C-alpha atoms as a PDB file:
ATOM      1  CA  MET A   1      41.468  25.973   2.527  1.00  0.00           C
ATOM      2  CA  LYS A   2      40.667  29.501   3.926  1.00  0.00           C
ATOM      3  CA  ARG A   3      42.395  31.314   6.602  1.00  0.00           C
ATOM      4  CA  ILE A   4      41.005  34.660   7.774  1.00  0.00           C
ATOM      5  CA  ARG A   5      42.074  37.091  10.552  1.00  0.00           C
ATOM      6  CA  ALA A   6      39.218  39.149  12.466  1.00  0.00           C
ATOM      7  CA  ILE A   7      38.842  42.146  14.309  1.00  0.00           C
ATOM      8  CA  VAL A   8      35.745  41.941  16.190  1.00  0.00           C
ATOM      9  CA  ARG A   9      34.595  45.410  17.582  1.00  0.00           C
ATOM     10  CA  GLY A  10      32.019  46.477  19.943  1.00  0.00           C
ATOM     11  CA  ASP A  11      31.020  45.246  23.319  1.00  0.00           C
ATOM     12  CA  VAL A  12      32.667  41.900  23.008  1.00  0.00           C
ATOM     13  CA  GLN A  13      34.817  41.684  26.156  1.00  0.00           C
ATOM     14  CA  GLY A  14      33.662  40.405  29.580  1.00  0.00           C
ATOM     15  CA  VAL A  15      30.715  38.683  27.839  1.00  0.00           C
ATOM     16  CA  GLY A  16      31.994  35.160  27.276  1.00  0.00           C
ATOM     17  CA  PHE A  17      32.938  36.176  23.727  1.00  0.00           C
ATOM     18  CA  ARG A  18      36.424  34.013  23.464  1.00  0.00           C
ATOM     19  CA  ALA A  19      34.935  30.883  25.163  1.00  0.00           C
ATOM     20  CA  ALA A  20      31.521  31.187  22.727  1.00  0.00           C
ATOM     21  CA  ALA A  21      33.764  31.597  19.770  1.00  0.00           C
ATOM     22  CA  ALA A  22      35.887  28.391  20.771  1.00  0.00           C
ATOM     23  CA  GLN A  23      33.074  26.579  20.874  1.00  0.00           C
ATOM     24  CA  GLN A  24      31.474  27.482  17.863  1.00  0.00           C
ATOM     25  CA  ALA A  25      34.763  27.150  15.956  1.00  0.00           C
ATOM     26  CA  ARG A  26      35.002  23.360  17.320  1.00  0.00           C
ATOM     27  CA  ARG A  27      31.362  22.977  16.288  1.00  0.00           C
ATOM     28  CA  LEU A  28      32.290  23.918  13.160  1.00  0.00           C
ATOM     29  CA  ASN A  29      35.723  22.096  12.655  1.00  0.00           C
ATOM     30  CA  VAL A  30      37.724  25.587  12.292  1.00  0.00           C
ATOM     31  CA  ALA A  31      41.002  25.648  13.566  1.00  0.00           C
ATOM     32  CA  GLY A  32      42.720  28.831  15.040  1.00  0.00           C
ATOM     33  CA  TRP A  33      42.699  30.894  18.295  1.00  0.00           C
ATOM     34  CA  VAL A  34      41.030  34.011  19.814  1.00  0.00           C
ATOM     35  CA  ARG A  35      42.209  36.387  22.165  1.00  0.00           C
ATOM     36  CA  ASN A  36      41.328  39.934  23.899  1.00  0.00           C
ATOM     37  CA  LEU A  37      42.780  43.138  22.560  1.00  0.00           C
ATOM     38  CA  ARG A  38      44.053  45.943  24.768  1.00  0.00           C
ATOM     39  CA  ASP A  39      41.770  48.321  22.998  1.00  0.00           C
ATOM     40  CA  GLY A  40      38.193  46.224  23.968  1.00  0.00           C
ATOM     41  CA  ASN A  41      38.386  44.432  20.837  1.00  0.00           C
ATOM     42  CA  VAL A  42      38.913  40.816  20.196  1.00  0.00           C
ATOM     43  CA  GLU A  43      41.113  39.092  17.212  1.00  0.00           C
ATOM     44  CA  VAL A  44      40.454  35.950  15.980  1.00  0.00           C
ATOM     45  CA  GLU A  45      42.250  33.729  13.497  1.00  0.00           C
ATOM     46  CA  ALA A  46      40.262  31.133  12.047  1.00  0.00           C
ATOM     47  CA  GLU A  47      41.240  28.413   9.333  1.00  0.00           C
ATOM     48  CA  GLY A  48      39.195  25.352   7.777  1.00  0.00           C
ATOM     49  CA  THR A  49      37.082  24.897   4.670  1.00  0.00           C
ATOM     50  CA  VAL A  50      35.594  27.958   2.927  1.00  0.00           C
ATOM     51  CA  GLU A  51      32.184  26.761   4.006  1.00  0.00           C
ATOM     52  CA  ALA A  52      33.359  26.422   7.551  1.00  0.00           C
ATOM     53  CA  VAL A  53      35.189  29.571   7.656  1.00  0.00           C
ATOM     54  CA  ASP A  54      32.393  31.766   6.333  1.00  0.00           C
ATOM     55  CA  GLY A  55      29.711  30.280   8.871  1.00  0.00           C
ATOM     56  CA  MET A  56      32.611  31.442  11.747  1.00  0.00           C
ATOM     57  CA  ILE A  57      32.395  34.884  10.123  1.00  0.00           C
ATOM     58  CA  GLN A  58      28.856  34.954  10.363  1.00  0.00           C
ATOM     59  CA  TRP A  59      28.954  33.734  13.823  1.00  0.00           C
ATOM     60  CA  LEU A  60      31.417  36.495  14.416  1.00  0.00           C
ATOM     61  CA  ARG A  61      29.057  39.306  13.207  1.00  0.00           C
ATOM     62  CA  ARG A  62      26.394  38.121  16.011  1.00  0.00           C
ATOM     63  CA  GLY A  63      28.706  37.045  18.769  1.00  0.00           C
ATOM     64  CA  PRO A  64      27.118  35.053  22.079  1.00  0.00           C
ATOM     65  CA  SER A  65      24.038  36.491  23.426  1.00  0.00           C
ATOM     66  CA  LEU A  66      25.549  39.163  25.864  1.00  0.00           C
ATOM     67  CA  ALA A  67      27.964  40.794  23.262  1.00  0.00           C
ATOM     68  CA  ARG A  68      27.084  43.591  21.070  1.00  0.00           C
ATOM     69  CA  VAL A  69      28.879  43.266  18.017  1.00  0.00           C
ATOM     70  CA  THR A  70      29.240  46.747  15.968  1.00  0.00           C
ATOM     71  CA  GLY A  71      31.662  45.769  13.335  1.00  0.00           C
ATOM     72  CA  VAL A  72      34.083  42.868  11.908  1.00  0.00           C
ATOM     73  CA  ASP A  73      37.094  43.651   9.865  1.00  0.00           C
ATOM     74  CA  ILE A  74      38.431  40.655   8.056  1.00  0.00           C
ATOM     75  CA  ASP A  75      41.744  40.230   6.378  1.00  0.00           C
ATOM     76  CA  ASP A  76      41.187  36.939   4.179  1.00  0.00           C
ATOM     77  CA  SER A  77      44.691  37.405   2.315  1.00  0.00           C
ATOM     78  CA  LEU A  78      46.299  34.894   4.961  1.00  0.00           C
ATOM     79  CA  PRO A  79      47.993  31.790   3.433  1.00  0.00           C
ATOM     80  CA  PRO A  80      46.843  28.210   4.661  1.00  0.00           C
ATOM     81  CA  ALA A  81      49.190  27.677   7.896  1.00  0.00           C
ATOM     82  CA  HIS A  82      47.631  23.807   8.425  1.00  0.00           C
ATOM     83  CA  GLN A  83      46.874  24.704  12.147  1.00  0.00           C
ATOM     84  CA  GLU A  84      45.282  22.131  14.249  1.00  0.00           C
ATOM     85  CA  GLY A  85      42.508  22.707  17.037  1.00  0.00           C
ATOM     86  CA  PHE A  86      41.498  26.110  18.545  1.00  0.00           C
ATOM     87  CA  SER A  87      42.772  28.015  21.472  1.00  0.00           C
ATOM     88  CA  ILE A  88      41.890  30.749  23.663  1.00  0.00           C
ATOM     89  CA  ARG A  89      45.091  32.797  23.960  1.00  0.00           C
ATOM     90  CA  PRO A  90      45.489  35.462  27.086  1.00  0.00           C
END
């Protein structure tokens, strides 16, 4: 199992990023959550198999079609939390 926290920078709010991230996470069978940050970035926590989480990271670097991702900061030092499901947080 692998668990990461990511900060996605760029034009990533108001473009359907959270909903698209949740849909992609469910496709990949990744648990966790996504939320907007006050500074205009998006924070994502993702947990699953190494392959699934790595796939999620690749997707975060692109985002949905209307987003313009300029960078993704990844913290991969988190221990597994055995989360279930993927949610959109306010």
